[in-house]
């Protein structure tokens, strides 16, 4: 708005410079007026300018108009450069992270409130955490499965080692020869009924 008024004023300089000024008195109000038209009883205050003066005034006005237009063009050019630089800077700026958004902060606050509430169910807490992860641009948390530990088993005492029976097992020694052989025990004699030997009587030590 101010630039338009300034240009209009510069364009009207030649007309104002070439006009004469006559002081007149308004017969109705008695006020003093200044005009470029003759009036009854008027007095010439500013005489009309000569042709040379009008030429110099026109040249000065033209130079002033050219400077004003040049300044206006330079101002518009600088403004356009500023807008272009701001547009390039805005395009180069990395996108805002969802974790810094207001929605993310609100969702995290809701999840923390649900987790600390005694009246919230597990499903409500799980849903609040899921919504917070989505609002912050993160993968939803995996469901936590609580596995009950097995009951401890009392250890049983290990039985004593027994030598394997003869011939029992693949690597167990047997009766007979060989590097792992064992001497076969002497078989007990068999007696017919009535032929058993009479055991010898053993005297006590005091009777000897």
C-alpha atoms as a PDB file:
ATOM      1  CA  UNK A   1       0.000   0.000   0.000  1.00  0.00           C
ATOM      2  CA  UNK A   2       2.762   2.487   0.955  1.00  0.00           C
ATOM      3  CA  UNK A   3       4.771   1.588  -2.152  1.00  0.00           C
ATOM      4  CA  UNK A   4       1.775   2.246  -4.394  1.00  0.00           C
ATOM      5  CA  UNK A   5       1.192   5.639  -2.805  1.00  0.00           C
ATOM      6  CA  UNK A   6       4.880   6.511  -3.206  1.00  0.00           C
ATOM      7  CA  UNK A   7       4.852   5.621  -6.903  1.00  0.00           C
ATOM      8  CA  UNK A   8       1.694   7.674  -7.460  1.00  0.00           C
ATOM      9  CA  UNK A   9       3.296  10.654  -5.721  1.00  0.00           C
ATOM     10  CA  UNK A  10       6.426  10.378  -7.869  1.00  0.00           C
ATOM     11  CA  UNK A  11       4.362  10.221 -11.043  1.00  0.00           C
ATOM     12  CA  UNK A  12       2.509  13.403 -10.059  1.00  0.00           C
ATOM     13  CA  UNK A  13       5.686  15.410  -9.333  1.00  0.00           C
ATOM     14  CA  UNK A  14       5.954  16.938 -12.841  1.00  0.00           C
ATOM     15  CA  UNK A  15       2.366  18.172 -12.698  1.00  0.00           C
ATOM     16  CA  UNK A  16       2.854  19.748  -9.279  1.00  0.00           C
ATOM     17  CA  UNK A  17       6.173  21.275 -10.250  1.00  0.00           C
ATOM     18  CA  UNK A  18       4.815  22.960 -13.373  1.00  0.00           C
ATOM     19  CA  UNK A  19       1.692  24.352 -11.655  1.00  0.00           C
ATOM     20  CA  UNK A  20       1.498  27.912 -10.307  1.00  0.00           C
ATOM     21  CA  UNK A  21       0.131  28.760  -6.878  1.00  0.00           C
ATOM     22  CA  UNK A  22      -2.460  31.537  -6.435  1.00  0.00           C
ATOM     23  CA  UNK A  23      -3.713  32.636  -3.019  1.00  0.00           C
ATOM     24  CA  UNK A  24      -7.437  33.336  -2.967  1.00  0.00           C
ATOM     25  CA  UNK A  25      -9.977  34.240  -0.320  1.00  0.00           C
ATOM     26  CA  UNK A  26     -13.250  32.354  -0.175  1.00  0.00           C
ATOM     27  CA  UNK A  27     -16.011  35.003  -0.170  1.00  0.00           C
ATOM     28  CA  UNK A  28     -18.427  32.664   1.657  1.00  0.00           C
ATOM     29  CA  UNK A  29     -16.217  31.645   4.568  1.00  0.00           C
ATOM     30  CA  UNK A  30     -13.382  34.147   4.390  1.00  0.00           C
ATOM     31  CA  UNK A  31     -10.793  31.391   4.453  1.00  0.00           C
ATOM     32  CA  UNK A  32      -7.577  31.578   2.478  1.00  0.00           C
ATOM     33  CA  UNK A  33      -7.213  29.013  -0.297  1.00  0.00           C
ATOM     34  CA  UNK A  34      -4.352  28.118  -2.625  1.00  0.00           C
ATOM     35  CA  UNK A  35      -5.121  27.034  -6.165  1.00  0.00           C
ATOM     36  CA  UNK A  36      -3.554  26.921  -9.592  1.00  0.00           C
ATOM     37  CA  UNK A  37      -6.579  28.625 -11.189  1.00  0.00           C
ATOM     38  CA  UNK A  38      -7.080  32.403 -11.308  1.00  0.00           C
ATOM     39  CA  UNK A  39      -9.604  33.814  -8.851  1.00  0.00           C
ATOM     40  CA  UNK A  40     -11.131  37.222  -8.161  1.00  0.00           C
ATOM     41  CA  UNK A  41      -8.773  39.258  -6.059  1.00  0.00           C
ATOM     42  CA  UNK A  42      -6.257  36.438  -5.989  1.00  0.00           C
ATOM     43  CA  UNK A  43      -2.557  36.993  -5.502  1.00  0.00           C
ATOM     44  CA  UNK A  44       0.121  35.020  -7.297  1.00  0.00           C
ATOM     45  CA  UNK A  45       2.252  33.358  -4.627  1.00  0.00           C
ATOM     46  CA  UNK A  46       4.359  30.988  -6.759  1.00  0.00           C
ATOM     47  CA  UNK A  47       4.949  32.154 -10.296  1.00  0.00           C
ATOM     48  CA  UNK A  48       4.737  29.607 -13.110  1.00  0.00           C
ATOM     49  CA  UNK A  49       8.027  27.864 -13.832  1.00  0.00           C
ATOM     50  CA  UNK A  50       9.909  28.452 -17.021  1.00  0.00           C
ATOM     51  CA  UNK A  51      10.306  25.844 -19.747  1.00  0.00           C
ATOM     52  CA  UNK A  52      13.890  25.080 -18.649  1.00  0.00           C
ATOM     53  CA  UNK A  53      12.814  24.625 -15.053  1.00  0.00           C
ATOM     54  CA  UNK A  54       9.970  22.370 -16.126  1.00  0.00           C
ATOM     55  CA  UNK A  55      12.398  20.271 -18.224  1.00  0.00           C
ATOM     56  CA  UNK A  56      14.766  19.848 -15.280  1.00  0.00           C
ATOM     57  CA  UNK A  57      11.841  18.988 -13.033  1.00  0.00           C
ATOM     58  CA  UNK A  58      10.656  16.360 -15.511  1.00  0.00           C
ATOM     59  CA  UNK A  59      14.147  14.822 -15.700  1.00  0.00           C
ATOM     60  CA  UNK A  60      14.415  14.738 -11.910  1.00  0.00           C
ATOM     61  CA  UNK A  61      10.986  13.149 -11.642  1.00  0.00           C
ATOM     62  CA  UNK A  62      11.903  10.538 -14.265  1.00  0.00           C
ATOM     63  CA  UNK A  63      15.132   9.716 -12.427  1.00  0.00           C
ATOM     64  CA  UNK A  64      13.219   9.452  -9.149  1.00  0.00           C
ATOM     65  CA  UNK A  65      10.665   7.142 -10.749  1.00  0.00           C
ATOM     66  CA  UNK A  66      13.429   4.929 -12.162  1.00  0.00           C
ATOM     67  CA  UNK A  67      15.172   4.685  -8.788  1.00  0.00           C
ATOM     68  CA  UNK A  68      11.891   3.888  -7.066  1.00  0.00           C
ATOM     69  CA  UNK A  69      11.114   1.153  -9.592  1.00  0.00           C
ATOM     70  CA  UNK A  70      14.638  -0.245  -9.227  1.00  0.00           C
ATOM     71  CA  UNK A  71      14.313  -0.325  -5.434  1.00  0.00           C
ATOM     72  CA  UNK A  72      10.902  -1.954  -5.744  1.00  0.00           C
ATOM     73  CA  UNK A  73      12.281  -4.617  -8.074  1.00  0.00           C
ATOM     74  CA  UNK A  74      15.255  -5.274  -5.780  1.00  0.00           C
ATOM     75  CA  UNK A  75      12.953  -5.606  -2.780  1.00  0.00           C
ATOM     76  CA  UNK A  76      10.729  -8.090  -4.613  1.00  0.00           C
ATOM     77  CA  UNK A  77      13.778 -10.073  -5.718  1.00  0.00           C
ATOM     78  CA  UNK A  78      15.111 -10.316  -2.158  1.00  0.00           C
ATOM     79  CA  UNK A  79      11.707 -11.358  -0.871  1.00  0.00           C
ATOM     80  CA  UNK A  80      11.504 -14.099  -3.509  1.00  0.00           C
ATOM     81  CA  UNK A  81      14.996 -15.321  -2.592  1.00  0.00           C
ATOM     82  CA  UNK A  82      14.022 -15.460   1.064  1.00  0.00           C
ATOM     83  CA  UNK A  83      10.913 -17.490   0.267  1.00  0.00           C
ATOM     84  CA  UNK A  84      12.892 -19.887  -1.952  1.00  0.00           C
ATOM     85  CA  UNK A  85      15.528 -20.409   0.755  1.00  0.00           C
ATOM     86  CA  UNK A  86      12.850 -21.075   3.371  1.00  0.00           C
ATOM     87  CA  UNK A  87      11.151 -23.559   1.029  1.00  0.00           C
ATOM     88  CA  UNK A  88      14.421 -25.420   0.393  1.00  0.00           C
ATOM     89  CA  UNK A  89      15.205 -25.520   4.113  1.00  0.00           C
ATOM     90  CA  UNK A  90      11.751 -26.858   4.887  1.00  0.00           C
ATOM     91  CA  UNK A  91      12.112 -29.581   2.238  1.00  0.00           C
ATOM     92  CA  UNK A  92      15.560 -30.607   3.557  1.00  0.00           C
ATOM     93  CA  UNK A  93      14.368 -30.827   7.143  1.00  0.00           C
ATOM     94  CA  UNK A  94      13.937 -34.462   8.249  1.00  0.00           C
ATOM     95  CA  UNK A  95      10.396 -35.516   9.022  1.00  0.00           C
ATOM     96  CA  UNK A  96       9.371 -35.279  12.624  1.00  0.00           C
ATOM     97  CA  UNK A  97       9.692 -38.497  14.584  1.00  0.00           C
ATOM     98  CA  UNK A  98       6.410 -40.003  15.791  1.00  0.00           C
ATOM     99  CA  UNK A  99       8.065 -40.506  19.182  1.00  0.00           C
ATOM    100  CA  UNK A 100       8.183 -36.712  19.645  1.00  0.00           C
ATOM    101  CA  UNK A 101       4.518 -36.137  18.827  1.00  0.00           C
ATOM    102  CA  UNK A 102       1.822 -35.145  21.282  1.00  0.00           C
ATOM    103  CA  UNK A 103      -0.139 -38.301  20.463  1.00  0.00           C
ATOM    104  CA  UNK A 104       2.824 -40.469  21.478  1.00  0.00           C
ATOM    105  CA  UNK A 105       3.225 -38.683  24.803  1.00  0.00           C
ATOM    106  CA  UNK A 106      -0.488 -38.989  25.550  1.00  0.00           C
ATOM    107  CA  UNK A 107      -0.534 -42.705  24.666  1.00  0.00           C
ATOM    108  CA  UNK A 108       2.496 -43.409  26.862  1.00  0.00           C
ATOM    109  CA  UNK A 109       0.912 -41.555  29.768  1.00  0.00           C
ATOM    110  CA  UNK A 110      -2.252 -43.622  29.343  1.00  0.00           C
ATOM    111  CA  UNK A 111      -0.247 -46.867  29.272  1.00  0.00           C
ATOM    112  CA  UNK A 112       1.668 -45.879  32.411  1.00  0.00           C
ATOM    113  CA  UNK A 113      -1.589 -44.996  34.166  1.00  0.00           C
ATOM    114  CA  UNK A 114      -3.151 -48.341  33.244  1.00  0.00           C
ATOM    115  CA  UNK A 115      -0.066 -50.272  34.342  1.00  0.00           C
ATOM    116  CA  UNK A 116      -0.057 -48.560  37.754  1.00  0.00           C
ATOM    117  CA  UNK A 117      -3.790 -48.888  38.330  1.00  0.00           C
ATOM    118  CA  UNK A 118      -5.052 -51.672  40.602  1.00  0.00           C
ATOM    119  CA  UNK A 119      -8.441 -51.763  38.873  1.00  0.00           C
ATOM    120  CA  UNK A 120      -7.126 -52.179  35.306  1.00  0.00           C
ATOM    121  CA  UNK A 121      -7.309 -55.667  33.858  1.00  0.00           C
ATOM    122  CA  UNK A 122      -4.503 -57.372  31.968  1.00  0.00           C
ATOM    123  CA  UNK A 123      -6.390 -56.891  28.712  1.00  0.00           C
ATOM    124  CA  UNK A 124      -6.704 -53.117  29.311  1.00  0.00           C
ATOM    125  CA  UNK A 125      -2.994 -52.833  30.130  1.00  0.00           C
ATOM    126  CA  UNK A 126      -2.068 -54.843  27.028  1.00  0.00           C
ATOM    127  CA  UNK A 127      -4.317 -52.681  24.834  1.00  0.00           C
ATOM    128  CA  UNK A 128      -2.877 -49.429  26.246  1.00  0.00           C
ATOM    129  CA  UNK A 129       0.678 -50.584  25.603  1.00  0.00           C
ATOM    130  CA  UNK A 130      -0.228 -51.677  22.085  1.00  0.00           C
ATOM    131  CA  UNK A 131      -1.772 -48.270  21.311  1.00  0.00           C
ATOM    132  CA  UNK A 132       1.267 -46.454  22.745  1.00  0.00           C
ATOM    133  CA  UNK A 133       3.622 -48.440  20.525  1.00  0.00           C
ATOM    134  CA  UNK A 134       1.583 -47.667  17.409  1.00  0.00           C
ATOM    135  CA  UNK A 135       1.334 -43.946  18.265  1.00  0.00           C
ATOM    136  CA  UNK A 136       5.114 -43.743  18.739  1.00  0.00           C
ATOM    137  CA  UNK A 137       5.932 -45.574  15.499  1.00  0.00           C
ATOM    138  CA  UNK A 138       7.252 -48.689  17.241  1.00  0.00           C
ATOM    139  CA  UNK A 139       6.334 -52.356  16.837  1.00  0.00           C
ATOM    140  CA  UNK A 140       3.754 -53.536  19.350  1.00  0.00           C
ATOM    141  CA  UNK A 141       5.206 -55.363  22.339  1.00  0.00           C
ATOM    142  CA  UNK A 142       5.043 -59.129  22.323  1.00  0.00           C
ATOM    143  CA  UNK A 143       2.736 -60.854  24.751  1.00  0.00           C
ATOM    144  CA  UNK A 144       4.557 -61.970  27.884  1.00  0.00           C
ATOM    145  CA  UNK A 145       3.887 -65.621  28.661  1.00  0.00           C
ATOM    146  CA  UNK A 146       4.656 -66.538  32.254  1.00  0.00           C
ATOM    147  CA  UNK A 147       5.776 -70.158  32.508  1.00  0.00           C
ATOM    148  CA  UNK A 148       5.346 -71.705  35.921  1.00  0.00           C
ATOM    149  CA  UNK A 149       8.531 -73.445  37.067  1.00  0.00           C
ATOM    150  CA  UNK A 150       8.462 -77.158  37.657  1.00  0.00           C
ATOM    151  CA  UNK A 151       8.262 -78.389  41.235  1.00  0.00           C
ATOM    152  CA  UNK A 152      11.677 -79.370  42.540  1.00  0.00           C
ATOM    153  CA  UNK A 153      12.283 -83.100  42.661  1.00  0.00           C
ATOM    154  CA  UNK A 154      14.120 -84.484  45.670  1.00  0.00           C
ATOM    155  CA  UNK A 155      17.178 -86.439  44.551  1.00  0.00           C
ATOM    156  CA  UNK A 156      17.086 -90.137  45.273  1.00  0.00           C
ATOM    157  CA  UNK A 157      20.150 -91.762  46.831  1.00  0.00           C
ATOM    158  CA  UNK A 158      22.158 -93.782  44.378  1.00  0.00           C
ATOM    159  CA  UNK A 159      22.077 -97.487  45.151  1.00  0.00           C
ATOM    160  CA  UNK A 160      25.399 -99.128  45.923  1.00  0.00           C
ATOM    161  CA  UNK A 161      27.240-100.677  43.041  1.00  0.00           C
ATOM    162  CA  UNK A 162      26.845-104.378  42.738  1.00  0.00           C
ATOM    163  CA  UNK A 163      29.147-106.588  40.818  1.00  0.00           C
ATOM    164  CA  UNK A 164      27.201-108.071  37.911  1.00  0.00           C
ATOM    165  CA  UNK A 165      26.254-111.653  38.031  1.00  0.00           C
ATOM    166  CA  UNK A 166      28.439-114.010  36.030  1.00  0.00           C
ATOM    167  CA  UNK A 167      27.533-113.848  32.385  1.00  0.00           C
ATOM    168  CA  UNK A 168      25.173-110.872  32.877  1.00  0.00           C
ATOM    169  CA  UNK A 169      25.637-108.014  30.462  1.00  0.00           C
ATOM    170  CA  UNK A 170      27.714-107.646  27.349  1.00  0.00           C
ATOM    171  CA  UNK A 171      30.965-106.730  29.068  1.00  0.00           C
ATOM    172  CA  UNK A 172      30.420-108.636  32.307  1.00  0.00           C
ATOM    173  CA  UNK A 173      32.949-111.355  33.102  1.00  0.00           C
ATOM    174  CA  UNK A 174      31.673-114.933  33.265  1.00  0.00           C
ATOM    175  CA  UNK A 175      32.781-118.242  34.601  1.00  0.00           C
ATOM    176  CA  UNK A 176      35.609-119.928  32.936  1.00  0.00           C
ATOM    177  CA  UNK A 177      38.754-118.814  31.254  1.00  0.00           C
ATOM    178  CA  UNK A 178      39.577-115.678  29.371  1.00  0.00           C
ATOM    179  CA  UNK A 179      41.109-112.402  30.502  1.00  0.00           C
ATOM    180  CA  UNK A 180      37.998-111.560  32.518  1.00  0.00           C
ATOM    181  CA  UNK A 181      37.172-115.094  33.644  1.00  0.00           C
ATOM    182  CA  UNK A 182      36.436-116.020  37.240  1.00  0.00           C
ATOM    183  CA  UNK A 183      37.221-119.381  38.848  1.00  0.00           C
ATOM    184  CA  UNK A 184      34.135-121.518  39.028  1.00  0.00           C
ATOM    185  CA  UNK A 185      33.261-122.372  42.637  1.00  0.00           C
ATOM    186  CA  UNK A 186      33.673-125.964  43.792  1.00  0.00           C
ATOM    187  CA  UNK A 187      30.337-127.757  43.650  1.00  0.00           C
ATOM    188  CA  UNK A 188      28.988-129.050  46.917  1.00  0.00           C
ATOM    189  CA  UNK A 189      28.985-132.852  47.227  1.00  0.00           C
ATOM    190  CA  UNK A 190      25.715-134.693  47.162  1.00  0.00           C
ATOM    191  CA  UNK A 191      24.969-137.652  49.518  1.00  0.00           C
ATOM    192  CA  UNK A 192      22.356-140.311  49.387  1.00  0.00           C
ATOM    193  CA  UNK A 193      19.942-140.438  52.260  1.00  0.00           C
ATOM    194  CA  UNK A 194      21.564-142.081  55.268  1.00  0.00           C
ATOM    195  CA  UNK A 195      25.107-141.626  53.984  1.00  0.00           C
ATOM    196  CA  UNK A 196      25.695-138.078  55.109  1.00  0.00           C
ATOM    197  CA  UNK A 197      28.945-137.598  56.996  1.00  0.00           C
ATOM    198  CA  UNK A 198      28.707-137.090  60.738  1.00  0.00           C
ATOM    199  CA  UNK A 199      30.020-133.680  61.634  1.00  0.00           C
ATOM    200  CA  UNK A 200      33.010-133.675  63.953  1.00  0.00           C
ATOM    201  CA  UNK A 201      32.392-132.557  67.488  1.00  0.00           C
ATOM    202  CA  UNK A 202      34.237-129.426  68.474  1.00  0.00           C
ATOM    203  CA  UNK A 203      35.343-129.299  72.076  1.00  0.00           C
ATOM    204  CA  UNK A 204      35.247-126.030  73.919  1.00  0.00           C
ATOM    205  CA  UNK A 205      38.605-124.503  74.789  1.00  0.00           C
ATOM    206  CA  UNK A 206      38.174-125.209  78.514  1.00  0.00           C
ATOM    207  CA  UNK A 207      37.884-128.933  77.886  1.00  0.00           C
ATOM    208  CA  UNK A 208      41.176-129.197  76.053  1.00  0.00           C
END
